[in-house]
N, C-alpha and C. Protein backbone atom coordinates (compact mmCIF):
# COMPACT_ATOMS: atom_id res chain seq x y z
N UNK A 1 0.84 -1.17 0.00
CA UNK A 1 0.00 0.00 0.00
C UNK A 1 0.89 1.24 0.00
N UNK A 2 0.57 2.21 -0.82
CA UNK A 2 1.38 3.42 -0.90
C UNK A 2 0.48 4.64 -0.72
N UNK A 3 1.02 5.65 -0.09
CA UNK A 3 0.32 6.92 0.07
C UNK A 3 1.25 8.01 -0.43
N UNK A 4 0.69 9.15 -0.77
CA UNK A 4 1.50 10.25 -1.27
C UNK A 4 1.07 11.53 -0.57
N UNK A 5 2.06 12.38 -0.27
CA UNK A 5 1.78 13.64 0.38
C UNK A 5 2.56 14.76 -0.29
N UNK A 6 1.90 15.52 -1.12
CA UNK A 6 2.45 16.70 -1.79
C UNK A 6 3.80 16.47 -2.46
N UNK A 7 4.06 15.25 -2.94
CA UNK A 7 5.31 14.98 -3.65
C UNK A 7 5.23 15.66 -5.01
N UNK A 8 5.89 16.78 -5.16
CA UNK A 8 5.83 17.57 -6.39
C UNK A 8 4.96 18.79 -6.18
N UNK A 9 4.77 19.59 -7.24
CA UNK A 9 3.93 20.78 -7.13
C UNK A 9 4.66 21.93 -6.45
N UNK A 10 3.88 22.83 -5.90
CA UNK A 10 4.43 24.02 -5.26
C UNK A 10 5.10 23.68 -3.93
N UNK A 11 5.97 24.58 -3.52
CA UNK A 11 6.58 24.47 -2.19
C UNK A 11 5.84 25.37 -1.22
N UNK A 12 5.87 25.04 0.07
CA UNK A 12 5.26 25.93 1.06
C UNK A 12 5.97 27.29 1.06
N UNK A 13 5.33 28.32 1.58
CA UNK A 13 5.93 29.66 1.61
C UNK A 13 7.28 29.66 2.33
N UNK A 14 8.25 30.35 1.75
CA UNK A 14 9.56 30.51 2.37
C UNK A 14 10.49 29.31 2.25
N UNK A 15 10.09 28.29 1.50
CA UNK A 15 10.92 27.09 1.35
C UNK A 15 11.70 27.14 0.03
N UNK A 16 12.88 26.51 0.02
CA UNK A 16 13.70 26.38 -1.19
C UNK A 16 14.03 24.91 -1.39
N UNK A 17 14.06 24.48 -2.61
CA UNK A 17 14.31 23.09 -2.95
C UNK A 17 15.79 22.76 -2.80
N UNK A 18 16.10 21.65 -2.13
CA UNK A 18 17.46 21.13 -2.03
C UNK A 18 17.44 19.68 -2.51
N UNK A 19 18.60 19.18 -2.92
CA UNK A 19 18.68 17.82 -3.46
C UNK A 19 18.57 16.76 -2.37
N UNK A 20 19.08 17.06 -1.18
CA UNK A 20 19.08 16.09 -0.10
C UNK A 20 18.86 16.82 1.22
N UNK A 21 18.08 16.19 2.11
CA UNK A 21 17.83 16.79 3.42
C UNK A 21 19.12 16.83 4.21
N UNK A 22 19.42 17.96 4.85
CA UNK A 22 20.60 18.00 5.71
C UNK A 22 20.41 17.05 6.90
N UNK A 23 21.51 16.57 7.44
CA UNK A 23 21.46 15.72 8.63
C UNK A 23 21.57 16.63 9.84
N UNK A 24 20.47 16.81 10.53
CA UNK A 24 20.40 17.69 11.69
C UNK A 24 19.77 16.94 12.84
N UNK A 25 20.31 17.10 14.03
CA UNK A 25 19.69 16.52 15.21
C UNK A 25 20.28 17.15 16.47
N UNK A 26 19.58 16.94 17.56
CA UNK A 26 20.01 17.43 18.86
C UNK A 26 20.68 16.26 19.58
N UNK A 27 21.90 16.47 20.08
CA UNK A 27 22.59 15.41 20.81
C UNK A 27 23.31 14.44 19.91
N UNK A 28 23.77 13.36 20.51
CA UNK A 28 24.54 12.33 19.80
C UNK A 28 23.62 11.30 19.17
N UNK A 29 24.10 10.67 18.11
CA UNK A 29 23.37 9.57 17.50
C UNK A 29 23.45 8.37 18.45
N UNK A 30 22.30 7.85 18.90
CA UNK A 30 22.34 6.75 19.86
C UNK A 30 22.70 5.42 19.21
N UNK A 31 23.19 4.51 20.02
CA UNK A 31 23.43 3.15 19.55
C UNK A 31 22.12 2.39 19.50
N UNK A 32 22.16 1.20 18.92
CA UNK A 32 20.96 0.39 18.80
C UNK A 32 21.32 -1.07 19.06
N UNK A 33 20.58 -1.69 19.96
CA UNK A 33 20.72 -3.11 20.27
C UNK A 33 19.34 -3.74 20.13
N UNK A 34 19.14 -4.51 19.07
CA UNK A 34 17.82 -5.11 18.80
C UNK A 34 17.33 -5.99 19.94
N UNK A 35 18.24 -6.54 20.72
CA UNK A 35 17.86 -7.44 21.82
C UNK A 35 17.25 -6.70 23.01
N UNK A 36 17.61 -5.43 23.21
CA UNK A 36 17.12 -4.69 24.37
C UNK A 36 16.20 -3.52 24.01
N UNK A 37 16.18 -3.13 22.75
CA UNK A 37 15.37 -2.00 22.30
C UNK A 37 13.89 -2.31 22.46
N UNK A 38 13.10 -1.28 22.81
CA UNK A 38 11.65 -1.43 22.83
C UNK A 38 10.99 -0.07 22.58
N UNK A 39 9.73 -0.13 22.15
CA UNK A 39 8.91 1.06 21.92
C UNK A 39 7.71 0.98 22.85
N UNK A 40 7.47 2.08 23.57
CA UNK A 40 6.30 2.18 24.44
C UNK A 40 5.23 3.04 23.77
N UNK A 41 3.98 2.61 23.87
CA UNK A 41 2.84 3.40 23.41
C UNK A 41 1.92 3.49 24.63
N UNK A 42 1.67 4.72 25.08
CA UNK A 42 1.00 4.89 26.37
C UNK A 42 0.22 6.19 26.43
N UNK A 43 -0.26 6.53 27.61
CA UNK A 43 -0.99 7.77 27.82
C UNK A 43 -2.47 7.52 27.88
N UNK A 44 -3.25 8.37 27.22
CA UNK A 44 -4.71 8.29 27.23
C UNK A 44 -5.16 7.20 26.26
N UNK A 45 -4.90 5.95 26.64
CA UNK A 45 -5.22 4.79 25.81
C UNK A 45 -5.90 3.71 26.66
N UNK A 46 -6.61 2.81 26.00
CA UNK A 46 -7.23 1.68 26.69
C UNK A 46 -6.19 0.65 27.08
N UNK A 47 -5.24 0.38 26.17
CA UNK A 47 -4.20 -0.63 26.41
C UNK A 47 -2.84 -0.07 26.06
N UNK A 48 -1.96 0.02 27.06
CA UNK A 48 -0.58 0.44 26.78
C UNK A 48 0.17 -0.70 26.09
N UNK A 49 1.12 -0.33 25.25
CA UNK A 49 1.91 -1.32 24.51
C UNK A 49 3.38 -1.16 24.84
N UNK A 50 4.06 -2.28 24.88
CA UNK A 50 5.52 -2.30 24.95
C UNK A 50 5.96 -3.29 23.88
N UNK A 51 6.55 -2.77 22.82
CA UNK A 51 6.90 -3.58 21.66
C UNK A 51 8.40 -3.76 21.56
N UNK A 52 8.84 -5.00 21.46
CA UNK A 52 10.24 -5.30 21.18
C UNK A 52 10.49 -5.00 19.70
N UNK A 53 11.75 -4.95 19.31
CA UNK A 53 12.10 -4.66 17.92
C UNK A 53 11.43 -5.66 16.98
N UNK A 54 11.45 -6.94 17.32
CA UNK A 54 10.83 -7.96 16.45
C UNK A 54 9.33 -7.72 16.31
N UNK A 55 8.69 -7.19 17.36
CA UNK A 55 7.25 -6.88 17.31
C UNK A 55 6.97 -5.74 16.33
N UNK A 56 7.83 -4.73 16.36
CA UNK A 56 7.67 -3.60 15.43
C UNK A 56 7.83 -4.09 13.99
N UNK A 57 8.82 -4.92 13.74
CA UNK A 57 9.05 -5.43 12.39
C UNK A 57 7.88 -6.29 11.89
N UNK A 58 7.13 -6.90 12.80
CA UNK A 58 6.02 -7.76 12.42
C UNK A 58 4.72 -6.99 12.13
N UNK A 59 4.69 -5.70 12.45
CA UNK A 59 3.48 -4.90 12.22
C UNK A 59 3.29 -4.62 10.73
N UNK A 60 2.04 -4.35 10.31
CA UNK A 60 1.80 -4.00 8.90
C UNK A 60 2.60 -2.76 8.52
N UNK A 61 3.09 -2.73 7.29
CA UNK A 61 3.89 -1.61 6.83
C UNK A 61 3.32 -1.04 5.53
N UNK A 62 3.60 0.25 5.32
CA UNK A 62 3.19 0.95 4.11
C UNK A 62 4.39 1.69 3.53
N UNK A 63 4.23 2.15 2.31
CA UNK A 63 5.21 3.02 1.67
C UNK A 63 4.53 4.36 1.41
N UNK A 64 5.25 5.44 1.70
CA UNK A 64 4.73 6.79 1.53
C UNK A 64 5.75 7.60 0.73
N UNK A 65 5.30 8.26 -0.32
CA UNK A 65 6.13 9.23 -1.04
C UNK A 65 5.70 10.61 -0.57
N UNK A 66 6.62 11.34 0.05
CA UNK A 66 6.24 12.63 0.63
C UNK A 66 7.41 13.60 0.59
N UNK A 67 7.08 14.88 0.47
CA UNK A 67 8.08 15.92 0.59
C UNK A 67 8.40 16.12 2.07
N UNK A 68 9.61 16.57 2.35
CA UNK A 68 10.03 16.87 3.72
C UNK A 68 10.46 18.33 3.75
N UNK A 69 9.91 19.08 4.71
CA UNK A 69 10.16 20.53 4.79
C UNK A 69 10.82 20.87 6.11
N UNK A 70 12.01 21.44 6.05
CA UNK A 70 12.73 21.86 7.25
C UNK A 70 12.30 23.24 7.69
N UNK A 71 12.26 23.46 8.99
CA UNK A 71 11.88 24.75 9.53
C UNK A 71 12.86 25.86 9.21
N UNK A 72 14.08 25.50 8.78
CA UNK A 72 15.07 26.50 8.39
C UNK A 72 14.97 26.88 6.92
N UNK A 73 13.95 26.35 6.20
CA UNK A 73 13.67 26.80 4.85
C UNK A 73 14.01 25.85 3.73
N UNK A 74 14.49 24.66 4.00
CA UNK A 74 14.80 23.71 2.93
C UNK A 74 13.63 22.74 2.73
N UNK A 75 13.51 22.24 1.53
CA UNK A 75 12.51 21.21 1.20
C UNK A 75 13.13 20.18 0.27
N UNK A 76 12.78 18.92 0.46
CA UNK A 76 13.21 17.82 -0.41
C UNK A 76 11.94 17.18 -0.96
N UNK A 77 11.96 16.95 -2.26
CA UNK A 77 10.79 16.37 -2.94
C UNK A 77 10.78 14.84 -2.89
N UNK A 78 9.58 14.28 -2.76
CA UNK A 78 9.29 12.89 -3.02
C UNK A 78 10.15 11.85 -2.34
N UNK A 79 10.48 12.03 -1.08
CA UNK A 79 11.21 10.99 -0.37
C UNK A 79 10.31 9.76 -0.22
N UNK A 80 10.89 8.59 -0.35
CA UNK A 80 10.13 7.33 -0.24
C UNK A 80 10.44 6.68 1.10
N UNK A 81 9.47 6.76 2.00
CA UNK A 81 9.58 6.19 3.34
C UNK A 81 8.80 4.89 3.40
N UNK A 82 9.29 3.93 4.17
CA UNK A 82 8.56 2.70 4.42
C UNK A 82 8.56 2.44 5.91
N UNK A 83 7.40 2.02 6.42
CA UNK A 83 7.32 1.73 7.84
C UNK A 83 5.91 1.47 8.31
N UNK A 84 5.73 1.55 9.60
CA UNK A 84 4.47 1.22 10.28
C UNK A 84 3.60 2.47 10.36
N UNK A 85 2.37 2.41 9.84
CA UNK A 85 1.49 3.57 9.98
C UNK A 85 1.15 3.79 11.45
N UNK A 86 1.22 5.03 11.90
CA UNK A 86 0.91 5.35 13.29
C UNK A 86 -0.53 4.94 13.60
N UNK A 87 -1.40 5.03 12.63
CA UNK A 87 -2.80 4.65 12.87
C UNK A 87 -2.94 3.18 13.23
N UNK A 88 -2.02 2.31 12.77
CA UNK A 88 -2.06 0.89 13.14
C UNK A 88 -1.76 0.72 14.64
N UNK A 89 -0.82 1.50 15.15
CA UNK A 89 -0.53 1.44 16.59
C UNK A 89 -1.70 2.00 17.39
N UNK A 90 -2.32 3.06 16.87
CA UNK A 90 -3.48 3.63 17.56
C UNK A 90 -4.61 2.61 17.62
N UNK A 91 -4.82 1.86 16.56
CA UNK A 91 -5.86 0.84 16.56
C UNK A 91 -5.58 -0.22 17.62
N UNK A 92 -4.31 -0.53 17.84
CA UNK A 92 -3.94 -1.56 18.80
C UNK A 92 -4.07 -1.09 20.25
N UNK A 93 -3.84 0.20 20.50
CA UNK A 93 -3.88 0.68 21.88
C UNK A 93 -5.17 1.42 22.21
N UNK A 94 -5.95 1.79 21.22
CA UNK A 94 -7.24 2.45 21.40
C UNK A 94 -7.17 3.73 22.23
N UNK A 95 -6.76 4.84 21.61
CA UNK A 95 -6.75 6.12 22.33
C UNK A 95 -8.15 6.47 22.84
N UNK A 96 -8.20 7.15 23.97
CA UNK A 96 -9.49 7.58 24.54
C UNK A 96 -10.11 8.64 23.65
N UNK A 97 -11.40 8.85 23.82
CA UNK A 97 -12.10 9.88 23.05
C UNK A 97 -11.56 11.27 23.37
N UNK A 98 -10.95 11.43 24.54
CA UNK A 98 -10.41 12.73 24.95
C UNK A 98 -9.02 13.00 24.38
N UNK A 99 -8.35 12.00 23.82
CA UNK A 99 -7.00 12.19 23.27
C UNK A 99 -7.05 13.14 22.08
N UNK A 100 -6.19 14.15 22.09
CA UNK A 100 -6.15 15.16 21.02
C UNK A 100 -4.76 15.34 20.41
N UNK A 101 -3.72 14.79 21.07
CA UNK A 101 -2.35 14.99 20.62
C UNK A 101 -1.56 13.70 20.77
N UNK A 102 -0.47 13.61 20.01
CA UNK A 102 0.48 12.51 20.14
C UNK A 102 1.86 13.11 20.35
N UNK A 103 2.50 12.72 21.46
CA UNK A 103 3.85 13.16 21.78
C UNK A 103 4.80 12.01 21.45
N UNK A 104 5.78 12.28 20.59
CA UNK A 104 6.81 11.29 20.26
C UNK A 104 8.09 11.70 20.97
N UNK A 105 8.78 10.71 21.57
CA UNK A 105 10.02 10.99 22.32
C UNK A 105 11.12 10.03 21.90
N UNK A 106 12.36 10.53 21.96
CA UNK A 106 13.51 9.62 21.86
C UNK A 106 13.94 9.26 23.28
N UNK A 107 15.00 8.51 23.42
CA UNK A 107 15.44 8.08 24.75
C UNK A 107 16.17 9.16 25.53
N UNK A 108 16.59 10.25 24.85
CA UNK A 108 17.41 11.27 25.50
C UNK A 108 16.69 12.58 25.78
N UNK A 109 15.36 12.61 25.64
CA UNK A 109 14.62 13.80 26.00
C UNK A 109 14.11 14.66 24.86
N UNK A 110 14.52 14.38 23.62
CA UNK A 110 13.96 15.13 22.50
C UNK A 110 12.53 14.66 22.29
N UNK A 111 11.63 15.60 22.03
CA UNK A 111 10.23 15.24 21.79
C UNK A 111 9.59 16.26 20.87
N UNK A 112 8.47 15.86 20.30
CA UNK A 112 7.62 16.76 19.52
C UNK A 112 6.19 16.26 19.67
N UNK A 113 5.28 17.20 19.76
CA UNK A 113 3.87 16.90 19.94
C UNK A 113 3.12 17.34 18.69
N UNK A 114 2.25 16.48 18.17
CA UNK A 114 1.48 16.82 16.98
C UNK A 114 0.00 16.59 17.26
N UNK A 115 -0.86 17.39 16.62
CA UNK A 115 -2.30 17.15 16.76
C UNK A 115 -2.63 15.73 16.29
N UNK A 116 -3.59 15.12 16.93
CA UNK A 116 -3.93 13.73 16.63
C UNK A 116 -4.32 13.53 15.17
N UNK A 117 -5.01 14.51 14.57
CA UNK A 117 -5.40 14.34 13.17
C UNK A 117 -4.18 14.25 12.25
N UNK A 118 -3.10 14.94 12.57
CA UNK A 118 -1.85 14.83 11.79
C UNK A 118 -1.15 13.51 12.08
N UNK A 119 -1.16 13.10 13.36
CA UNK A 119 -0.50 11.84 13.74
C UNK A 119 -1.18 10.63 13.12
N UNK A 120 -2.49 10.70 12.95
CA UNK A 120 -3.24 9.56 12.42
C UNK A 120 -3.54 9.68 10.93
N UNK A 121 -2.95 10.68 10.27
CA UNK A 121 -3.13 10.82 8.83
C UNK A 121 -2.55 9.59 8.11
N UNK A 122 -3.09 9.28 6.97
CA UNK A 122 -2.68 8.11 6.20
C UNK A 122 -1.18 8.05 5.97
N UNK A 123 -0.54 9.19 5.74
CA UNK A 123 0.88 9.21 5.39
C UNK A 123 1.83 9.31 6.58
N UNK A 124 1.32 9.43 7.80
CA UNK A 124 2.19 9.52 8.97
C UNK A 124 2.59 8.11 9.40
N UNK A 125 3.89 7.89 9.55
CA UNK A 125 4.37 6.56 9.87
C UNK A 125 5.61 6.57 10.75
N UNK A 126 5.92 5.40 11.28
CA UNK A 126 7.18 5.17 11.97
C UNK A 126 8.07 4.50 10.93
N UNK A 127 9.00 5.28 10.38
CA UNK A 127 9.80 4.82 9.24
C UNK A 127 10.92 3.89 9.67
N UNK A 128 11.06 2.84 8.88
CA UNK A 128 12.15 1.87 9.02
C UNK A 128 13.13 1.98 7.85
N UNK A 129 12.62 2.48 6.72
CA UNK A 129 13.42 2.55 5.49
C UNK A 129 13.22 3.91 4.81
N UNK A 130 14.26 4.35 4.12
CA UNK A 130 14.22 5.59 3.34
C UNK A 130 14.85 5.30 1.99
N UNK A 131 14.13 5.61 0.93
CA UNK A 131 14.59 5.39 -0.45
C UNK A 131 14.98 3.92 -0.68
N UNK A 132 14.24 3.01 -0.07
CA UNK A 132 14.46 1.59 -0.28
C UNK A 132 15.55 0.96 0.57
N UNK A 133 16.21 1.74 1.40
CA UNK A 133 17.30 1.25 2.25
C UNK A 133 16.93 1.39 3.72
N UNK A 134 17.49 0.52 4.58
CA UNK A 134 17.24 0.71 6.02
C UNK A 134 17.62 2.13 6.45
N UNK A 135 16.82 2.69 7.30
CA UNK A 135 17.05 4.05 7.80
C UNK A 135 18.37 4.08 8.57
N UNK A 136 19.29 4.92 8.16
CA UNK A 136 20.60 5.00 8.83
C UNK A 136 20.44 5.67 10.19
N UNK A 137 21.36 5.39 11.12
CA UNK A 137 21.28 6.06 12.43
C UNK A 137 21.28 7.59 12.32
N UNK A 138 22.07 8.16 11.44
CA UNK A 138 22.11 9.62 11.30
C UNK A 138 20.79 10.19 10.81
N UNK A 139 20.02 9.41 10.08
CA UNK A 139 18.71 9.86 9.57
C UNK A 139 17.57 9.46 10.50
N UNK A 140 17.90 8.86 11.66
CA UNK A 140 16.88 8.55 12.65
C UNK A 140 16.64 7.08 12.90
N UNK A 141 17.41 6.21 12.22
CA UNK A 141 17.24 4.77 12.40
C UNK A 141 17.66 4.32 13.78
N UNK A 142 17.00 3.33 14.29
CA UNK A 142 16.23 2.37 13.52
C UNK A 142 14.78 2.78 13.24
N UNK A 143 14.23 3.75 14.00
CA UNK A 143 12.82 4.10 13.86
C UNK A 143 12.64 5.60 14.01
N UNK A 144 12.02 6.19 13.01
CA UNK A 144 11.79 7.64 13.00
C UNK A 144 10.33 7.91 12.69
N UNK A 145 9.71 8.76 13.47
CA UNK A 145 8.35 9.17 13.13
C UNK A 145 8.45 10.16 11.97
N UNK A 146 7.63 9.99 10.95
CA UNK A 146 7.60 10.88 9.80
C UNK A 146 6.19 11.45 9.70
N UNK A 147 6.11 12.79 9.83
CA UNK A 147 4.83 13.51 9.77
C UNK A 147 4.93 14.47 8.59
N UNK A 148 4.62 14.02 7.36
CA UNK A 148 4.81 14.87 6.18
C UNK A 148 4.06 16.19 6.20
N UNK A 149 2.96 16.27 6.94
CA UNK A 149 2.17 17.51 6.96
C UNK A 149 2.73 18.57 7.89
N UNK A 150 3.85 18.29 8.54
CA UNK A 150 4.46 19.23 9.48
C UNK A 150 5.94 19.42 9.15
N UNK A 151 6.53 20.49 9.71
CA UNK A 151 7.97 20.69 9.54
C UNK A 151 8.73 19.49 10.09
N UNK A 152 9.94 19.30 9.61
CA UNK A 152 10.73 18.11 9.93
C UNK A 152 11.04 17.98 11.42
N UNK A 153 11.03 19.06 12.20
CA UNK A 153 11.34 18.91 13.63
C UNK A 153 10.26 18.08 14.33
N UNK A 154 9.09 17.93 13.72
CA UNK A 154 8.03 17.10 14.28
C UNK A 154 8.26 15.61 13.97
N UNK A 155 9.13 15.30 13.03
CA UNK A 155 9.44 13.92 12.63
C UNK A 155 10.58 13.39 13.49
N UNK A 156 10.26 13.03 14.71
CA UNK A 156 11.24 12.67 15.74
C UNK A 156 12.07 11.47 15.33
N UNK A 157 13.39 11.64 15.43
CA UNK A 157 14.32 10.54 15.17
C UNK A 157 14.42 9.64 16.40
N UNK A 158 14.82 8.40 16.19
CA UNK A 158 15.13 7.43 17.26
C UNK A 158 13.97 7.27 18.25
N UNK A 159 12.75 7.21 17.73
CA UNK A 159 11.56 7.15 18.58
C UNK A 159 11.61 5.94 19.52
N UNK A 160 11.32 6.21 20.79
CA UNK A 160 11.25 5.16 21.81
C UNK A 160 9.91 5.15 22.53
N UNK A 161 9.15 6.25 22.44
CA UNK A 161 7.81 6.23 23.04
C UNK A 161 6.87 7.17 22.29
N UNK A 162 5.60 6.75 22.29
CA UNK A 162 4.50 7.56 21.77
C UNK A 162 3.50 7.69 22.90
N UNK A 163 3.11 8.94 23.19
CA UNK A 163 2.20 9.19 24.30
C UNK A 163 0.98 9.94 23.78
N UNK A 164 -0.19 9.31 23.90
CA UNK A 164 -1.43 9.97 23.52
C UNK A 164 -1.84 10.89 24.67
N UNK A 165 -2.12 12.15 24.33
CA UNK A 165 -2.38 13.18 25.34
C UNK A 165 -3.71 13.88 25.09
N UNK A 166 -4.32 14.35 26.16
CA UNK A 166 -5.54 15.14 26.05
C UNK A 166 -5.23 16.60 25.76
N UNK A 167 -4.02 17.07 26.16
CA UNK A 167 -3.63 18.47 25.96
C UNK A 167 -2.26 18.51 25.31
N UNK A 168 -2.00 19.57 24.56
CA UNK A 168 -0.71 19.76 23.92
C UNK A 168 0.39 19.86 24.97
N UNK A 169 1.51 19.23 24.73
CA UNK A 169 2.68 19.34 25.60
C UNK A 169 3.85 19.83 24.73
N UNK A 170 4.39 21.01 25.02
CA UNK A 170 5.47 21.52 24.18
C UNK A 170 6.65 20.54 24.11
N UNK A 171 7.11 20.28 22.90
CA UNK A 171 8.28 19.44 22.69
C UNK A 171 9.56 20.26 22.79
N UNK A 172 10.66 19.67 22.36
CA UNK A 172 11.97 20.30 22.46
C UNK A 172 11.98 21.68 21.80
N UNK A 173 11.62 21.77 20.52
CA UNK A 173 11.69 23.06 19.82
C UNK A 173 10.55 23.99 20.21
N UNK A 174 9.38 23.43 20.50
CA UNK A 174 8.25 24.28 20.90
C UNK A 174 8.55 25.00 22.21
N UNK A 175 9.25 24.34 23.12
CA UNK A 175 9.60 25.00 24.39
C UNK A 175 10.68 26.05 24.19
N UNK A 176 11.23 26.13 22.98
CA UNK A 176 12.25 27.13 22.64
C UNK A 176 11.75 28.13 21.61
N UNK A 177 10.42 28.21 21.45
CA UNK A 177 9.83 29.24 20.60
C UNK A 177 9.29 28.80 19.26
N UNK A 178 9.42 27.52 18.90
CA UNK A 178 8.85 27.04 17.64
C UNK A 178 7.33 26.96 17.77
N UNK A 179 6.66 27.08 16.65
CA UNK A 179 5.21 27.03 16.63
C UNK A 179 4.72 25.64 17.06
N UNK A 180 3.70 25.56 17.91
CA UNK A 180 3.25 24.26 18.38
C UNK A 180 2.64 23.37 17.29
N UNK A 181 2.10 23.95 16.23
CA UNK A 181 1.49 23.15 15.17
C UNK A 181 2.49 22.81 14.07
N UNK A 182 3.35 23.75 13.68
CA UNK A 182 4.42 23.50 12.71
C UNK A 182 3.96 23.13 11.32
N UNK A 183 2.90 23.76 10.83
CA UNK A 183 2.39 23.47 9.49
C UNK A 183 3.17 24.31 8.47
N UNK A 184 3.93 23.66 7.57
CA UNK A 184 4.73 24.44 6.61
C UNK A 184 3.87 25.23 5.62
N UNK A 185 2.69 24.76 5.29
CA UNK A 185 1.83 25.46 4.33
C UNK A 185 1.26 26.74 4.92
N UNK A 186 1.30 26.86 6.24
CA UNK A 186 0.87 28.09 6.91
C UNK A 186 2.06 28.88 7.41
N UNK A 187 3.28 28.42 7.11
CA UNK A 187 4.49 29.11 7.54
C UNK A 187 4.63 29.17 9.06
N UNK A 188 4.17 28.16 9.76
CA UNK A 188 4.15 28.16 11.22
C UNK A 188 5.51 27.71 11.80
N UNK A 189 6.50 28.59 11.66
CA UNK A 189 7.83 28.30 12.21
C UNK A 189 7.94 28.72 13.67
N UNK A 190 7.54 29.92 13.95
CA UNK A 190 7.67 30.47 15.31
C UNK A 190 6.32 30.71 15.94
N UNK A 191 6.28 30.54 17.27
CA UNK A 191 5.02 30.74 18.01
C UNK A 191 4.65 32.21 18.01
């Protein structure tokens, strides 16, 4: 199954096309041990999940072709991501009717919060592969949340937990002045 999100066409306001997304992140690239790694899905849900690496690999996967837009003004066209749709995890844990946001975190404190409608969009996924290759550690491997409808700072690298929330919780960049919604088509860079 494949989905597409604005791959081609116009760019959002203030964006310029680049051939490749720059490698940007906060902190060091973490190591990965498949034997001890796990993903938690928790918060305002009926059933919390703790998934080992093998469990994540066994989940249904999709391919998404989507543009990626950086908050510093760069855009890359038509990246091909493959991974687990976030909506599949939501179906497994059953968010409460009051859940309105999804907070994604890495193991070292980086986080980003997105409105639930963006998190559960068809093209939002936990990526395992980019352009047909396993996601490299520098690009967020082994698992990166990809939210094509938002600036790239919302696409958290090295995801270790997803928390369904009733209220918005400022993530790393939002607590430093970035816009809480981060919609590139609305130019929502700063709060």
